[in-house]
Amino acid sequence: MGLVYTANKGLIKSYVEETVKYKNALIEPGKTEAEIKLAALSSAEVERILLKLDMLAMEKMYSPVAIMVAEEADSILALIRMVKVEAKAEFAGMLGAGSNLDIAWLRPKDIGGVLLNPAATASKGLYGGASGGVYTWLNTFVANTSDDLIPEQTMAEEAGVIHLGAIDPIEVPKLNGIRFTLAGIPTPYQSLPFNLRQSLGPESLPCVRYEKPIIVGPQKKQAIDVMPNISGDSKYQLMTLLVAKAENLTL
């Protein structure tokens, strides 16, 4: 078993359907806790979730990502339970089909797609591109000019995301700030200290982690914009997990 599973074995138990005041993640700006409805989970589902997260964040591949996922496993479970309220089907991972739930890393093509933007409005894809028309994180930035990473859109009824952090696998990262807007309310910008790479060496992969995970549940509205301090290309890649029905997690 990997780090995510071993660090969170205590979470493996059955959970009942409940409404709780949750404070371990940002769900509603301006509130230190948010009231959310959570579906029941069996201990078998929780074990499948942790095993899946182990595969998505392999410690031997890149330990900072594995540590981040391991430490935020409780919030990831909360998101899955929020989506399950709407999907009304168990989490089955790769074994699932139809309405069974699964979890995956967010891809560029998902931004503006039917799960993050079911209305499929034009110019709602990554960095303002047409829906489904941008398939890479690469973007050219202008110093001190903000850019819409995720233009405003609303999650599908049976899907949700949790933003944990980001990586920028390029020799000279260009961004130094990110801002989340949830339900039309902007948060303070979060620092992106990628310039620390200069002291870590060119072989390192810059990774940043947000102050708290940001959960965008079913039918909730979000937008994300970023600020570059240097002009040029960068590959700012969201470390964001997408939860949805198996039938909707298509290529």
C-alpha atoms as a PDB file:
ATOM      1  CA  MET A   1       0.000   0.000   0.000  1.00  0.00           C
ATOM      2  CA  GLY A   2       1.127   3.543  -0.668  1.00  0.00           C
ATOM      3  CA  LEU A   3       1.291   6.671   1.467  1.00  0.00           C
ATOM      4  CA  VAL A   4      -2.308   7.803   0.907  1.00  0.00           C
ATOM      5  CA  TYR A   5      -3.727   4.461   2.026  1.00  0.00           C
ATOM      6  CA  THR A   6      -1.408   3.843   4.979  1.00  0.00           C
ATOM      7  CA  ALA A   7      -1.755   7.388   6.326  1.00  0.00           C
ATOM      8  CA  ASN A   8      -5.548   7.226   6.222  1.00  0.00           C
ATOM      9  CA  LYS A   9      -6.431   3.692   7.315  1.00  0.00           C
ATOM     10  CA  GLY A  10      -8.336   5.264  10.194  1.00  0.00           C
ATOM     11  CA  LEU A  11     -10.837   6.674   7.688  1.00  0.00           C
ATOM     12  CA  ILE A  12     -11.884   3.177   6.590  1.00  0.00           C
ATOM     13  CA  LYS A  13     -15.284   2.790   8.195  1.00  0.00           C
ATOM     14  CA  SER A  14     -18.933   3.156   7.281  1.00  0.00           C
ATOM     15  CA  TYR A  15     -20.379   6.680   7.097  1.00  0.00           C
ATOM     16  CA  VAL A  16     -24.077   7.502   7.447  1.00  0.00           C
ATOM     17  CA  GLU A  17     -25.949  10.116   5.452  1.00  0.00           C
ATOM     18  CA  GLU A  18     -25.657  13.386   7.332  1.00  0.00           C
ATOM     19  CA  THR A  19     -25.540  17.157   7.145  1.00  0.00           C
ATOM     20  CA  VAL A  20     -22.418  18.668   8.693  1.00  0.00           C
ATOM     21  CA  LYS A  21     -20.666  21.980   9.131  1.00  0.00           C
ATOM     22  CA  TYR A  22     -17.372  21.430   7.332  1.00  0.00           C
ATOM     23  CA  LYS A  23     -14.308  23.594   7.980  1.00  0.00           C
ATOM     24  CA  ASN A  24     -11.348  21.678   6.508  1.00  0.00           C
ATOM     25  CA  ALA A  25     -11.839  23.122   3.021  1.00  0.00           C
ATOM     26  CA  LEU A  26     -12.966  26.344   1.370  1.00  0.00           C
ATOM     27  CA  ILE A  27     -16.521  25.844   0.110  1.00  0.00           C
ATOM     28  CA  GLU A  28     -18.152  29.238   0.648  1.00  0.00           C
ATOM     29  CA  PRO A  29     -15.919  32.366   0.668  1.00  0.00           C
ATOM     30  CA  GLY A  30     -16.330  34.498   3.760  1.00  0.00           C
ATOM     31  CA  LYS A  31     -17.334  31.541   5.935  1.00  0.00           C
ATOM     32  CA  THR A  32     -14.998  29.530   8.155  1.00  0.00           C
ATOM     33  CA  GLU A  33     -17.322  26.551   7.798  1.00  0.00           C
ATOM     34  CA  ALA A  34     -20.022  25.517   5.352  1.00  0.00           C
ATOM     35  CA  GLU A  35     -23.092  23.354   5.876  1.00  0.00           C
ATOM     36  CA  ILE A  36     -23.031  20.459   3.410  1.00  0.00           C
ATOM     37  CA  LYS A  37     -25.077  17.324   2.871  1.00  0.00           C
ATOM     38  CA  LEU A  38     -23.055  14.099   2.717  1.00  0.00           C
ATOM     39  CA  ALA A  39     -24.205  10.714   1.439  1.00  0.00           C
ATOM     40  CA  ALA A  40     -23.486   7.443   3.200  1.00  0.00           C
ATOM     41  CA  LEU A  41     -20.329   5.492   2.337  1.00  0.00           C
ATOM     42  CA  SER A  42     -19.568   1.862   3.102  1.00  0.00           C
ATOM     43  CA  SER A  43     -16.170   0.847   4.474  1.00  0.00           C
ATOM     44  CA  ALA A  44     -15.592  -1.047   1.209  1.00  0.00           C
ATOM     45  CA  GLU A  45     -16.150   2.164  -0.777  1.00  0.00           C
ATOM     46  CA  VAL A  46     -13.726   4.103   1.416  1.00  0.00           C
ATOM     47  CA  GLU A  47     -11.069   1.432   0.916  1.00  0.00           C
ATOM     48  CA  ARG A  48     -11.588   1.578  -2.860  1.00  0.00           C
ATOM     49  CA  ILE A  49     -11.264   5.368  -2.746  1.00  0.00           C
ATOM     50  CA  LEU A  50      -7.977   5.270  -0.820  1.00  0.00           C
ATOM     51  CA  LEU A  51      -6.552   2.615  -3.138  1.00  0.00           C
ATOM     52  CA  LYS A  52      -7.536   4.726  -6.142  1.00  0.00           C
ATOM     53  CA  LEU A  53      -5.939   7.837  -4.628  1.00  0.00           C
ATOM     54  CA  ASP A  54      -2.764   5.811  -4.054  1.00  0.00           C
ATOM     55  CA  MET A  55      -2.650   5.124  -7.779  1.00  0.00           C
ATOM     56  CA  LEU A  56      -3.323   8.754  -8.677  1.00  0.00           C
ATOM     57  CA  ALA A  57      -0.638  10.082  -6.312  1.00  0.00           C
ATOM     58  CA  MET A  58       2.134   7.501  -6.266  1.00  0.00           C
ATOM     59  CA  GLU A  59       4.651   8.331  -3.558  1.00  0.00           C
ATOM     60  CA  LYS A  60       7.611   6.924  -5.486  1.00  0.00           C
ATOM     61  CA  MET A  61       6.790   9.044  -8.525  1.00  0.00           C
ATOM     62  CA  TYR A  62       6.469  12.420  -6.814  1.00  0.00           C
ATOM     63  CA  SER A  63       6.262  12.518  -3.032  1.00  0.00           C
ATOM     64  CA  PRO A  64       4.992  16.134  -2.561  1.00  0.00           C
ATOM     65  CA  VAL A  65       1.827  15.308  -4.536  1.00  0.00           C
ATOM     66  CA  ALA A  66       1.317  12.079  -2.569  1.00  0.00           C
ATOM     67  CA  ILE A  67       1.758  13.945   0.727  1.00  0.00           C
ATOM     68  CA  MET A  68      -0.743  16.605  -0.372  1.00  0.00           C
ATOM     69  CA  VAL A  69      -3.368  14.026  -1.347  1.00  0.00           C
ATOM     70  CA  ALA A  70      -2.755  11.973   1.807  1.00  0.00           C
ATOM     71  CA  GLU A  71      -3.193  14.983   4.077  1.00  0.00           C
ATOM     72  CA  GLU A  72      -6.374  16.118   2.320  1.00  0.00           C
ATOM     73  CA  ALA A  73      -8.018  12.679   2.074  1.00  0.00           C
ATOM     74  CA  ASP A  74     -10.795  13.730   4.461  1.00  0.00           C
ATOM     75  CA  SER A  75     -11.805  16.618   2.174  1.00  0.00           C
ATOM     76  CA  ILE A  76     -11.642  14.356  -0.890  1.00  0.00           C
ATOM     77  CA  LEU A  77     -14.023  11.952   0.853  1.00  0.00           C
ATOM     78  CA  ALA A  78     -16.314  14.884   1.629  1.00  0.00           C
ATOM     79  CA  LEU A  79     -16.449  15.841  -2.063  1.00  0.00           C
ATOM     80  CA  ILE A  80     -17.203  12.266  -3.114  1.00  0.00           C
ATOM     81  CA  ARG A  81     -20.042  12.101  -0.578  1.00  0.00           C
ATOM     82  CA  MET A  82     -21.406  15.451  -1.861  1.00  0.00           C
ATOM     83  CA  VAL A  83     -21.472  14.114  -5.425  1.00  0.00           C
ATOM     84  CA  LYS A  84     -22.968  10.804  -4.276  1.00  0.00           C
ATOM     85  CA  VAL A  85     -25.942  12.704  -2.826  1.00  0.00           C
ATOM     86  CA  GLU A  86     -26.817  13.652  -6.414  1.00  0.00           C
ATOM     87  CA  ALA A  87     -25.611  10.543  -8.278  1.00  0.00           C
ATOM     88  CA  LYS A  88     -27.170   8.083  -5.813  1.00  0.00           C
ATOM     89  CA  ALA A  89     -24.692   5.364  -6.801  1.00  0.00           C
ATOM     90  CA  GLU A  90     -21.688   3.886  -5.027  1.00  0.00           C
ATOM     91  CA  PHE A  91     -18.037   4.666  -5.675  1.00  0.00           C
ATOM     92  CA  ALA A  92     -16.557   1.787  -7.674  1.00  0.00           C
ATOM     93  CA  GLY A  93     -13.478   3.296  -9.318  1.00  0.00           C
ATOM     94  CA  MET A  94     -12.284   1.488 -12.431  1.00  0.00           C
ATOM     95  CA  LEU A  95     -14.676  -1.388 -11.669  1.00  0.00           C
ATOM     96  CA  GLY A  96     -17.650   0.909 -12.099  1.00  0.00           C
ATOM     97  CA  ALA A  97     -19.931   1.616 -15.023  1.00  0.00           C
ATOM     98  CA  GLY A  98     -22.941   3.784 -15.686  1.00  0.00           C
ATOM     99  CA  SER A  99     -23.796   5.895 -12.653  1.00  0.00           C
ATOM    100  CA  ASN A 100     -21.085   4.429 -10.388  1.00  0.00           C
ATOM    101  CA  LEU A 101     -18.684   7.131  -9.216  1.00  0.00           C
ATOM    102  CA  ASP A 102     -14.990   7.425 -10.035  1.00  0.00           C
ATOM    103  CA  ILE A 103     -12.259  10.026  -9.503  1.00  0.00           C
ATOM    104  CA  ALA A 104      -9.535  11.318 -11.827  1.00  0.00           C
ATOM    105  CA  TRP A 105      -7.092  14.189 -12.224  1.00  0.00           C
ATOM    106  CA  LEU A 106      -8.623  17.137 -14.062  1.00  0.00           C
ATOM    107  CA  ARG A 107      -7.454  17.460 -17.686  1.00  0.00           C
ATOM    108  CA  PRO A 108      -7.265  20.607 -19.841  1.00  0.00           C
ATOM    109  CA  LYS A 109     -10.111  19.334 -22.050  1.00  0.00           C
ATOM    110  CA  ASP A 110     -12.371  18.950 -18.991  1.00  0.00           C
ATOM    111  CA  ILE A 111     -12.386  22.727 -18.530  1.00  0.00           C
ATOM    112  CA  GLY A 112     -15.319  23.976 -20.531  1.00  0.00           C
ATOM    113  CA  GLY A 113     -16.544  20.409 -21.010  1.00  0.00           C
ATOM    114  CA  VAL A 114     -19.914  18.991 -19.997  1.00  0.00           C
ATOM    115  CA  LEU A 115     -18.909  18.218 -16.392  1.00  0.00           C
ATOM    116  CA  LEU A 116     -17.543  21.660 -15.508  1.00  0.00           C
ATOM    117  CA  ASN A 117     -19.731  23.609 -17.920  1.00  0.00           C
ATOM    118  CA  PRO A 118     -22.826  21.653 -18.965  1.00  0.00           C
ATOM    119  CA  ALA A 119     -24.197  24.646 -20.860  1.00  0.00           C
ATOM    120  CA  ALA A 120     -21.181  24.281 -23.212  1.00  0.00           C
ATOM    121  CA  THR A 121     -21.145  28.011 -23.819  1.00  0.00           C
ATOM    122  CA  ALA A 122     -18.571  29.181 -26.361  1.00  0.00           C
ATOM    123  CA  SER A 123     -15.296  30.650 -25.066  1.00  0.00           C
ATOM    124  CA  LYS A 124     -15.574  28.872 -21.740  1.00  0.00           C
ATOM    125  CA  GLY A 125     -12.632  26.483 -22.077  1.00  0.00           C
ATOM    126  CA  LEU A 126      -9.132  26.663 -20.634  1.00  0.00           C
ATOM    127  CA  TYR A 127      -7.777  30.236 -20.722  1.00  0.00           C
ATOM    128  CA  GLY A 128     -10.914  31.407 -22.502  1.00  0.00           C
ATOM    129  CA  GLY A 129     -10.586  29.018 -25.434  1.00  0.00           C
ATOM    130  CA  ALA A 130     -13.629  27.458 -27.075  1.00  0.00           C
ATOM    131  CA  SER A 131     -15.186  24.625 -25.056  1.00  0.00           C
ATOM    132  CA  GLY A 132     -13.153  21.459 -25.472  1.00  0.00           C
ATOM    133  CA  GLY A 133     -10.763  23.178 -27.851  1.00  0.00           C
ATOM    134  CA  VAL A 134      -7.668  23.455 -25.635  1.00  0.00           C
ATOM    135  CA  TYR A 135      -5.861  20.207 -24.810  1.00  0.00           C
ATOM    136  CA  THR A 136      -2.665  21.395 -23.128  1.00  0.00           C
ATOM    137  CA  TRP A 137      -1.812  23.416 -20.026  1.00  0.00           C
ATOM    138  CA  LEU A 138       0.724  25.447 -22.035  1.00  0.00           C
ATOM    139  CA  ASN A 139      -0.152  29.138 -22.260  1.00  0.00           C
ATOM    140  CA  THR A 140       1.665  32.347 -23.165  1.00  0.00           C
ATOM    141  CA  PHE A 141       1.424  35.005 -20.467  1.00  0.00           C
ATOM    142  CA  VAL A 142       2.025  38.754 -20.349  1.00  0.00           C
ATOM    143  CA  ALA A 143       3.639  40.024 -17.157  1.00  0.00           C
ATOM    144  CA  ASN A 144       1.249  41.687 -14.694  1.00  0.00           C
ATOM    145  CA  THR A 145      -1.791  40.846 -16.836  1.00  0.00           C
ATOM    146  CA  SER A 146      -4.250  38.421 -15.267  1.00  0.00           C
ATOM    147  CA  ASP A 147      -5.617  35.536 -17.307  1.00  0.00           C
ATOM    148  CA  ASP A 148      -8.719  33.361 -16.848  1.00  0.00           C
ATOM    149  CA  LEU A 149      -7.518  29.825 -16.175  1.00  0.00           C
ATOM    150  CA  ILE A 150     -11.107  28.623 -15.687  1.00  0.00           C
ATOM    151  CA  PRO A 151     -13.629  31.185 -16.975  1.00  0.00           C
ATOM    152  CA  GLU A 152     -16.836  31.341 -14.944  1.00  0.00           C
ATOM    153  CA  GLN A 153     -18.872  28.155 -15.287  1.00  0.00           C
ATOM    154  CA  THR A 154     -21.183  25.915 -13.271  1.00  0.00           C
ATOM    155  CA  MET A 155     -20.556  22.284 -12.345  1.00  0.00           C
ATOM    156  CA  ALA A 156     -22.860  19.579 -13.668  1.00  0.00           C
ATOM    157  CA  GLU A 157     -25.496  18.156 -11.321  1.00  0.00           C
ATOM    158  CA  GLU A 158     -23.581  14.937 -10.633  1.00  0.00           C
ATOM    159  CA  ALA A 159     -19.957  16.096 -10.582  1.00  0.00           C
ATOM    160  CA  GLY A 160     -17.563  18.096  -8.439  1.00  0.00           C
ATOM    161  CA  VAL A 161     -13.914  19.100  -8.142  1.00  0.00           C
ATOM    162  CA  ILE A 162     -11.433  19.704  -5.359  1.00  0.00           C
ATOM    163  CA  HIS A 163      -8.494  22.011  -6.055  1.00  0.00           C
ATOM    164  CA  LEU A 164      -5.462  20.967  -3.975  1.00  0.00           C
ATOM    165  CA  GLY A 165      -2.514  22.764  -5.568  1.00  0.00           C
ATOM    166  CA  ALA A 166      -0.556  22.914  -8.815  1.00  0.00           C
ATOM    167  CA  ILE A 167       2.702  22.109 -10.565  1.00  0.00           C
ATOM    168  CA  ASP A 168       4.489  24.030 -13.309  1.00  0.00           C
ATOM    169  CA  PRO A 169       6.870  21.696 -15.195  1.00  0.00           C
ATOM    170  CA  ILE A 170       8.804  24.371 -17.055  1.00  0.00           C
ATOM    171  CA  GLU A 171      12.303  25.705 -16.497  1.00  0.00           C
ATOM    172  CA  VAL A 172      11.166  29.226 -15.598  1.00  0.00           C
ATOM    173  CA  PRO A 173       7.581  29.332 -14.194  1.00  0.00           C
ATOM    174  CA  LYS A 174       5.832  32.623 -14.885  1.00  0.00           C
ATOM    175  CA  LEU A 175       2.975  32.832 -12.344  1.00  0.00           C
ATOM    176  CA  ASN A 176       3.042  34.225  -8.824  1.00  0.00           C
ATOM    177  CA  GLY A 177      -0.636  34.422  -7.826  1.00  0.00           C
ATOM    178  CA  ILE A 178      -3.975  32.658  -8.212  1.00  0.00           C
ATOM    179  CA  ARG A 179      -7.517  33.685  -7.243  1.00  0.00           C
ATOM    180  CA  PHE A 180     -10.653  31.576  -6.879  1.00  0.00           C
ATOM    181  CA  THR A 181     -14.144  32.991  -7.323  1.00  0.00           C
ATOM    182  CA  LEU A 182     -16.911  30.794  -5.928  1.00  0.00           C
ATOM    183  CA  ALA A 183     -20.593  31.629  -6.478  1.00  0.00           C
ATOM    184  CA  GLY A 184     -19.490  35.082  -7.645  1.00  0.00           C
ATOM    185  CA  ILE A 185     -17.448  35.822  -4.493  1.00  0.00           C
ATOM    186  CA  PRO A 186     -13.682  36.218  -5.030  1.00  0.00           C
ATOM    187  CA  THR A 187     -11.174  34.961  -2.475  1.00  0.00           C
ATOM    188  CA  PRO A 188      -7.892  36.741  -1.677  1.00  0.00           C
ATOM    189  CA  TYR A 189      -5.190  35.686  -4.105  1.00  0.00           C
ATOM    190  CA  GLN A 190      -2.928  32.810  -3.071  1.00  0.00           C
ATOM    191  CA  SER A 191       0.835  33.099  -3.542  1.00  0.00           C
ATOM    192  CA  LEU A 192       2.556  30.777  -6.028  1.00  0.00           C
ATOM    193  CA  PRO A 193       6.210  30.733  -4.869  1.00  0.00           C
ATOM    194  CA  PHE A 194       7.569  28.981  -7.938  1.00  0.00           C
ATOM    195  CA  ASN A 195      10.685  31.201  -7.850  1.00  0.00           C
ATOM    196  CA  LEU A 196      11.962  28.907  -5.080  1.00  0.00           C
ATOM    197  CA  ARG A 197      12.937  26.533  -7.872  1.00  0.00           C
ATOM    198  CA  GLN A 198      16.064  28.594  -8.432  1.00  0.00           C
ATOM    199  CA  SER A 199      17.382  27.322  -5.108  1.00  0.00           C
ATOM    200  CA  LEU A 200      16.126  23.767  -5.666  1.00  0.00           C
ATOM    201  CA  GLY A 201      17.782  23.123  -9.009  1.00  0.00           C
ATOM    202  CA  PRO A 202      16.468  22.742 -12.586  1.00  0.00           C
ATOM    203  CA  GLU A 203      15.733  19.032 -12.119  1.00  0.00           C
ATOM    204  CA  SER A 204      13.063  19.698  -9.461  1.00  0.00           C
ATOM    205  CA  LEU A 205       9.361  19.944 -10.257  1.00  0.00           C
ATOM    206  CA  PRO A 206       7.823  23.048  -8.668  1.00  0.00           C
ATOM    207  CA  CYS A 207       4.746  22.186  -6.649  1.00  0.00           C
ATOM    208  CA  VAL A 208       2.527  24.552  -4.690  1.00  0.00           C
ATOM    209  CA  ARG A 209      -0.267  23.743  -2.288  1.00  0.00           C
ATOM    210  CA  TYR A 210      -3.151  26.054  -1.537  1.00  0.00           C
ATOM    211  CA  GLU A 211      -3.798  27.238   2.004  1.00  0.00           C
ATOM    212  CA  LYS A 212      -6.895  25.028   2.067  1.00  0.00           C
ATOM    213  CA  PRO A 213      -8.387  22.696  -0.522  1.00  0.00           C
ATOM    214  CA  ILE A 214     -11.168  24.337  -2.526  1.00  0.00           C
ATOM    215  CA  ILE A 215     -14.286  22.223  -3.051  1.00  0.00           C
ATOM    216  CA  VAL A 216     -16.695  23.026  -5.884  1.00  0.00           C
ATOM    217  CA  GLY A 217     -19.676  20.740  -5.456  1.00  0.00           C
ATOM    218  CA  PRO A 218     -22.497  19.800  -7.823  1.00  0.00           C
ATOM    219  CA  GLN A 219     -24.182  22.743  -9.575  1.00  0.00           C
ATOM    220  CA  LYS A 220     -21.820  25.224  -7.916  1.00  0.00           C
ATOM    221  CA  LYS A 221     -20.276  28.111  -9.838  1.00  0.00           C
ATOM    222  CA  GLN A 222     -16.514  28.744 -10.064  1.00  0.00           C
ATOM    223  CA  ALA A 223     -13.903  30.805 -11.863  1.00  0.00           C
ATOM    224  CA  ILE A 224     -10.104  30.870 -11.495  1.00  0.00           C
ATOM    225  CA  ASP A 225      -7.710  33.545 -12.678  1.00  0.00           C
ATOM    226  CA  VAL A 226      -3.926  33.691 -12.411  1.00  0.00           C
ATOM    227  CA  MET A 227      -1.351  36.488 -12.409  1.00  0.00           C
ATOM    228  CA  PRO A 228       2.055  36.203 -14.116  1.00  0.00           C
ATOM    229  CA  ASN A 229       5.037  38.222 -12.972  1.00  0.00           C
ATOM    230  CA  ILE A 230       7.120  37.249 -16.035  1.00  0.00           C
ATOM    231  CA  SER A 231       6.111  37.256 -19.707  1.00  0.00           C
ATOM    232  CA  GLY A 232       6.400  34.033 -21.699  1.00  0.00           C
ATOM    233  CA  ASP A 233       5.212  30.437 -21.800  1.00  0.00           C
ATOM    234  CA  SER A 234       4.296  28.420 -18.731  1.00  0.00           C
ATOM    235  CA  LYS A 235       2.612  25.071 -18.068  1.00  0.00           C
ATOM    236  CA  TYR A 236       0.665  25.756 -14.896  1.00  0.00           C
ATOM    237  CA  GLN A 237      -1.113  22.449 -14.246  1.00  0.00           C
ATOM    238  CA  LEU A 238      -3.904  22.196 -11.707  1.00  0.00           C
ATOM    239  CA  MET A 239      -3.604  19.406  -9.160  1.00  0.00           C
ATOM    240  CA  THR A 240      -7.372  19.106  -9.121  1.00  0.00           C
ATOM    241  CA  LEU A 241      -9.418  15.946  -8.653  1.00  0.00           C
ATOM    242  CA  LEU A 242     -12.650  15.467 -10.591  1.00  0.00           C
ATOM    243  CA  VAL A 243     -15.429  13.242  -9.222  1.00  0.00           C
ATOM    244  CA  ALA A 244     -18.182  12.118 -11.582  1.00  0.00           C
ATOM    245  CA  LYS A 245     -20.186   9.176 -12.851  1.00  0.00           C
ATOM    246  CA  ALA A 246     -18.183   6.556 -14.744  1.00  0.00           C
ATOM    247  CA  GLU A 247     -20.296   7.046 -17.870  1.00  0.00           C
ATOM    248  CA  ASN A 248     -19.329  10.726 -17.977  1.00  0.00           C
ATOM    249  CA  LEU A 249     -15.578  10.237 -17.477  1.00  0.00           C
ATOM    250  CA  THR A 250     -14.962   9.663 -21.169  1.00  0.00           C
ATOM    251  CA  LEU A 251     -11.965  10.296 -23.399  1.00  0.00           C
END
